[in-house]
Amino acid sequence: GKRVNILLMGVDDGDNEHPGAPKRSDTMLLASIHSDEGTVNMLSIPRDTRVLIPGQKGYDKMNHAYAYGGPDLAVRTVESFLNLPVHYYVVIDWQAFIQVVDLLGGVDLYVENAMDYEDPYANLEIHLQKGYQHLDGQKAGQYVRFRSDELGDIGRAQRQQRFLRALANQAFQWETLARLPELQTVVKESFLTDIQGSDWLRLAAALRHFDRAAGLKPVLLPGRFVTEKSVSY
């Protein structure tokens, strides 16, 4: 049809104390590309969204689907939950994210509040000052991963949407497009995806009319906080 749906997943670094433990999808976004309108609707799905995961008993958190069965089970869970087809998936870890942002030249963004947080178990340090600034890959990774405020994961999803809008606006500039060969190498080496061969041409065609000014439309999955059986969703 006229829409191509891609599930974008950012996975955590795993458990430093248990290197072989399964990773979870800290970030999950469903990008829906409308080829005729030149728009991309971006739905953020909070990691603690309560869902039924195929093959598992009872309710669970959305980000556990990736840990149980990798990208394929995550795709099936999202399809069942939203009643929408997912045509492709893309999985990226934080080191690859940093590489991509650096290749794109970083992003100019207003950081709405000072951010300070450290988690030695996750090898994560976040130290950002409030104000308009240029974020390189490392700082961008800190910005989109921070969730130690009153809104928690919801606030993080909102910041990720703001960041993606700024990144999309920059990614379609001529200077950035000139770096596509380098980006393609990073994608091939660092991303896990089922997009193959001619699929890339299909996606390029779907994005040919993309409007930088209004083409990216971020939406956050509506919901409310709840605790069931001592588990917060």
Protein backbone atom coordinates (compact mmCIF):
# COMPACT_ATOMS: atom_id res chain seq x y z
CA GLY A 1 0.00 0.00 0.00
CA LYS A 2 0.95 3.62 0.47
CA ARG A 3 2.31 3.11 3.98
CA VAL A 4 5.51 1.42 5.10
CA ASN A 5 5.73 0.66 8.83
CA ILE A 6 9.16 0.22 10.42
CA LEU A 7 9.74 -0.72 14.06
CA LEU A 8 12.81 1.10 15.40
CA MET A 9 14.34 -0.35 18.57
CA GLY A 10 17.18 0.95 20.71
CA VAL A 11 18.54 -1.82 22.90
CA ASP A 12 20.31 -1.39 26.23
CA ASP A 13 23.92 -2.39 26.91
CA GLY A 14 22.88 -5.50 28.81
CA ASP A 15 23.86 -6.44 32.35
CA ASN A 16 27.56 -5.77 33.06
CA GLU A 17 27.51 -8.40 35.81
CA HIS A 18 25.98 -11.00 33.45
CA PRO A 19 27.46 -10.37 29.97
CA GLY A 20 25.45 -13.14 28.29
CA ALA A 21 22.08 -11.98 29.61
CA PRO A 22 19.45 -10.99 27.00
CA LYS A 23 19.16 -7.32 26.13
CA ARG A 24 15.91 -5.33 26.30
CA SER A 25 14.52 -2.67 24.01
CA ASP A 26 14.86 0.56 25.99
CA THR A 27 13.41 2.55 23.10
CA MET A 28 10.66 1.51 20.72
CA LEU A 29 9.25 3.68 17.93
CA LEU A 30 6.95 2.75 15.09
CA ALA A 31 7.71 4.86 12.02
CA SER A 32 4.91 4.93 9.43
CA ILE A 33 6.01 6.38 6.09
CA HIS A 34 3.26 7.67 3.78
CA SER A 35 4.78 7.81 0.32
CA ASP A 36 2.20 10.12 -1.31
CA GLU A 37 1.98 12.66 1.50
CA GLY A 38 5.72 12.79 2.19
CA THR A 39 5.11 12.33 5.92
CA VAL A 40 6.50 10.06 8.61
CA ASN A 41 4.28 9.43 11.64
CA MET A 42 6.43 8.41 14.60
CA LEU A 43 4.66 6.58 17.44
CA SER A 44 6.63 6.28 20.69
CA ILE A 45 5.76 3.19 22.72
CA PRO A 46 6.94 3.50 26.36
CA ARG A 47 9.08 0.58 27.47
CA ASP A 48 6.81 -0.18 30.45
CA THR A 49 3.65 -0.42 28.34
CA ARG A 50 1.51 -3.32 29.60
CA VAL A 51 1.02 -5.89 26.83
CA LEU A 52 0.37 -9.53 26.13
CA ILE A 53 3.50 -11.08 24.62
CA PRO A 54 2.83 -14.05 22.29
CA GLY A 55 3.92 -17.28 23.95
CA GLN A 56 4.09 -15.76 27.44
CA LYS A 57 1.54 -16.02 30.25
CA GLY A 58 -0.30 -12.95 31.49
CA TYR A 59 0.60 -9.30 31.09
CA ASP A 60 4.17 -8.13 30.79
CA LYS A 61 6.21 -5.06 29.88
CA MET A 62 6.71 -4.22 26.23
CA ASN A 63 10.50 -4.08 26.46
CA HIS A 64 10.63 -7.68 27.72
CA ALA A 65 9.47 -8.98 24.33
CA TYR A 66 12.90 -8.32 22.82
CA ALA A 67 14.60 -10.10 25.74
CA TYR A 68 12.36 -13.15 25.33
CA GLY A 69 12.57 -13.54 21.56
CA GLY A 70 14.62 -10.82 19.89
CA PRO A 71 13.30 -8.52 17.16
CA ASP A 72 10.90 -11.09 15.70
CA LEU A 73 8.95 -11.45 18.95
CA ALA A 74 9.06 -7.69 19.50
CA VAL A 75 7.51 -7.20 16.05
CA ARG A 76 4.78 -9.78 16.73
CA THR A 77 3.99 -8.13 20.08
CA VAL A 78 3.65 -4.67 18.54
CA GLU A 79 1.52 -5.99 15.66
CA SER A 80 -0.83 -7.73 18.09
CA PHE A 81 -0.98 -4.76 20.46
CA LEU A 82 -1.62 -2.07 17.81
CA ASN A 83 -3.42 -4.26 15.26
CA LEU A 84 -1.10 -2.90 12.56
CA PRO A 85 1.35 -4.64 10.22
CA VAL A 86 5.07 -4.07 10.79
CA HIS A 87 6.90 -4.44 7.47
CA TYR A 88 10.49 -4.05 8.71
CA TYR A 89 12.50 -3.66 11.89
CA VAL A 90 15.74 -1.86 12.72
CA VAL A 91 17.68 -2.51 15.94
CA ILE A 92 20.45 -0.18 17.07
CA ASP A 93 22.63 -0.17 20.17
CA TRP A 94 23.90 3.00 21.81
CA GLN A 95 27.41 2.86 20.37
CA ALA A 96 26.01 2.71 16.84
CA PHE A 97 23.62 5.57 17.69
CA ILE A 98 26.58 7.71 18.77
CA GLN A 99 28.41 6.90 15.52
CA VAL A 100 25.44 7.88 13.36
CA VAL A 101 24.88 11.20 15.15
CA ASP A 102 28.57 12.05 14.83
CA LEU A 103 28.54 11.20 11.11
CA LEU A 104 25.56 13.52 10.68
CA GLY A 105 27.55 16.29 12.33
CA GLY A 106 25.63 16.36 15.61
CA VAL A 107 22.38 18.17 16.36
CA ASP A 108 21.56 21.68 17.60
CA LEU A 109 18.94 21.38 20.33
CA TYR A 110 17.59 23.20 23.38
CA VAL A 111 18.10 21.09 26.51
CA GLU A 112 15.11 22.06 28.64
CA ASN A 113 16.57 21.13 32.03
CA ALA A 114 19.94 20.27 33.53
CA MET A 115 20.44 16.50 33.57
CA ASP A 116 22.66 14.68 36.05
CA TYR A 117 22.52 10.92 36.52
CA GLU A 118 24.98 8.05 36.94
CA ASP A 119 24.40 4.30 36.78
CA PRO A 120 27.67 2.35 37.15
CA TYR A 121 25.89 -0.97 36.52
CA ALA A 122 24.76 0.24 33.09
CA ASN A 123 28.02 2.13 32.47
CA LEU A 124 25.92 5.27 32.06
CA GLU A 125 26.88 8.84 32.97
CA ILE A 126 24.64 11.77 32.06
CA HIS A 127 25.77 15.35 32.67
CA LEU A 128 24.08 18.00 30.52
CA GLN A 129 23.55 21.69 31.17
CA LYS A 130 20.29 23.50 30.46
CA GLY A 131 20.18 25.64 27.31
CA TYR A 132 20.56 25.71 23.55
CA GLN A 133 23.64 23.75 22.50
CA HIS A 134 25.25 21.47 19.95
CA LEU A 135 24.98 17.79 20.87
CA ASP A 136 27.55 15.39 19.48
CA GLY A 137 26.89 11.65 19.49
CA GLN A 138 27.91 11.15 23.11
CA LYS A 139 25.81 14.04 24.43
CA ALA A 140 22.87 13.10 22.20
CA GLY A 141 22.97 9.59 23.68
CA GLN A 142 22.80 11.10 27.16
CA TYR A 143 19.88 13.33 26.20
CA VAL A 144 17.71 10.57 24.73
CA ARG A 145 18.46 8.11 27.53
CA PHE A 146 17.77 10.36 30.53
CA ARG A 147 14.59 9.46 32.45
CA SER A 148 15.32 10.52 36.03
CA ASP A 149 12.65 13.20 36.26
CA GLU A 150 9.02 13.31 37.38
CA LEU A 151 7.74 11.91 34.07
CA GLY A 152 10.23 9.04 33.89
CA ASP A 153 9.91 7.03 30.70
CA ILE A 154 7.18 9.33 29.34
CA GLY A 155 9.50 12.33 29.58
CA ARG A 156 12.24 10.35 27.89
CA ALA A 157 9.93 9.44 25.00
CA GLN A 158 9.02 13.10 24.56
CA ARG A 159 12.70 14.09 24.47
CA GLN A 160 13.42 11.37 21.94
CA GLN A 161 10.71 12.80 19.70
CA ARG A 162 12.17 16.31 19.98
CA PHE A 163 15.59 14.95 19.14
CA LEU A 164 14.33 12.98 16.13
CA ARG A 165 12.61 16.04 14.71
CA ALA A 166 15.85 18.00 14.94
CA LEU A 167 17.81 15.10 13.48
CA ALA A 168 15.37 14.62 10.59
CA ASN A 169 15.57 18.31 9.75
CA GLN A 170 19.34 18.04 9.49
CA ALA A 171 19.54 14.60 7.87
CA PHE A 172 17.94 15.80 4.65
CA GLN A 173 20.39 18.63 4.02
CA TRP A 174 22.78 18.29 1.09
CA GLU A 175 25.89 18.26 3.29
CA THR A 176 24.46 15.34 5.24
CA LEU A 177 23.35 13.40 2.17
CA ALA A 178 26.96 13.50 0.98
CA ARG A 179 27.83 11.26 3.95
CA LEU A 180 25.42 8.50 2.90
CA PRO A 181 28.20 6.05 1.89
CA GLU A 182 29.69 6.29 5.39
CA LEU A 183 26.27 5.94 6.97
CA GLN A 184 25.54 2.88 4.86
CA THR A 185 28.72 1.26 6.21
CA VAL A 186 27.70 1.96 9.82
CA VAL A 187 24.21 0.60 9.18
CA LYS A 188 25.57 -2.55 7.61
CA GLU A 189 28.07 -3.20 10.40
CA SER A 190 26.21 -2.01 13.49
CA PHE A 191 22.46 -2.25 12.83
CA LEU A 192 20.35 -5.40 13.01
CA THR A 193 17.60 -5.20 10.38
CA ASP A 194 15.55 -7.29 7.99
CA ILE A 195 15.65 -4.55 5.34
CA GLN A 196 17.45 -6.14 2.42
CA GLY A 197 18.56 -5.26 -1.12
CA SER A 198 15.71 -3.71 -3.08
CA ASP A 199 13.85 -2.89 0.15
CA TRP A 200 16.19 0.08 0.56
CA LEU A 201 15.11 1.38 -2.86
CA ARG A 202 11.47 1.01 -1.79
CA LEU A 203 12.12 3.06 1.33
CA ALA A 204 14.03 5.70 -0.63
CA ALA A 205 11.09 5.99 -3.02
CA ALA A 206 8.66 6.30 -0.11
CA LEU A 207 10.71 9.19 1.28
CA ARG A 208 11.23 11.03 -2.01
CA HIS A 209 8.55 13.62 -1.15
CA PHE A 210 9.55 14.02 2.50
CA ASP A 211 8.84 17.53 3.74
CA ARG A 212 11.47 18.64 6.27
CA ALA A 213 9.26 21.40 7.68
CA ALA A 214 6.22 19.29 8.55
CA GLY A 215 7.08 15.78 7.40
CA LEU A 216 7.85 14.20 10.78
CA LYS A 217 4.81 13.89 13.05
CA PRO A 218 5.64 12.49 16.51
CA VAL A 219 2.93 10.94 18.66
CA LEU A 220 3.15 9.37 22.13
CA LEU A 221 1.06 6.31 22.89
CA PRO A 222 -1.65 7.47 25.33
CA GLY A 223 -1.92 5.76 28.68
CA ARG A 224 -1.80 6.07 32.45
CA PHE A 225 0.45 4.81 35.24
CA VAL A 226 -0.73 1.72 37.10
CA THR A 227 0.70 -0.87 39.51
CA GLU A 228 -0.50 -4.46 39.33
CA LYS A 229 0.83 -7.29 41.50
CA SER A 230 3.70 -5.05 42.64
CA VAL A 231 4.73 -4.34 39.03
CA SER A 232 4.51 -0.79 37.65
CA TYR A 233 3.25 -0.24 34.11
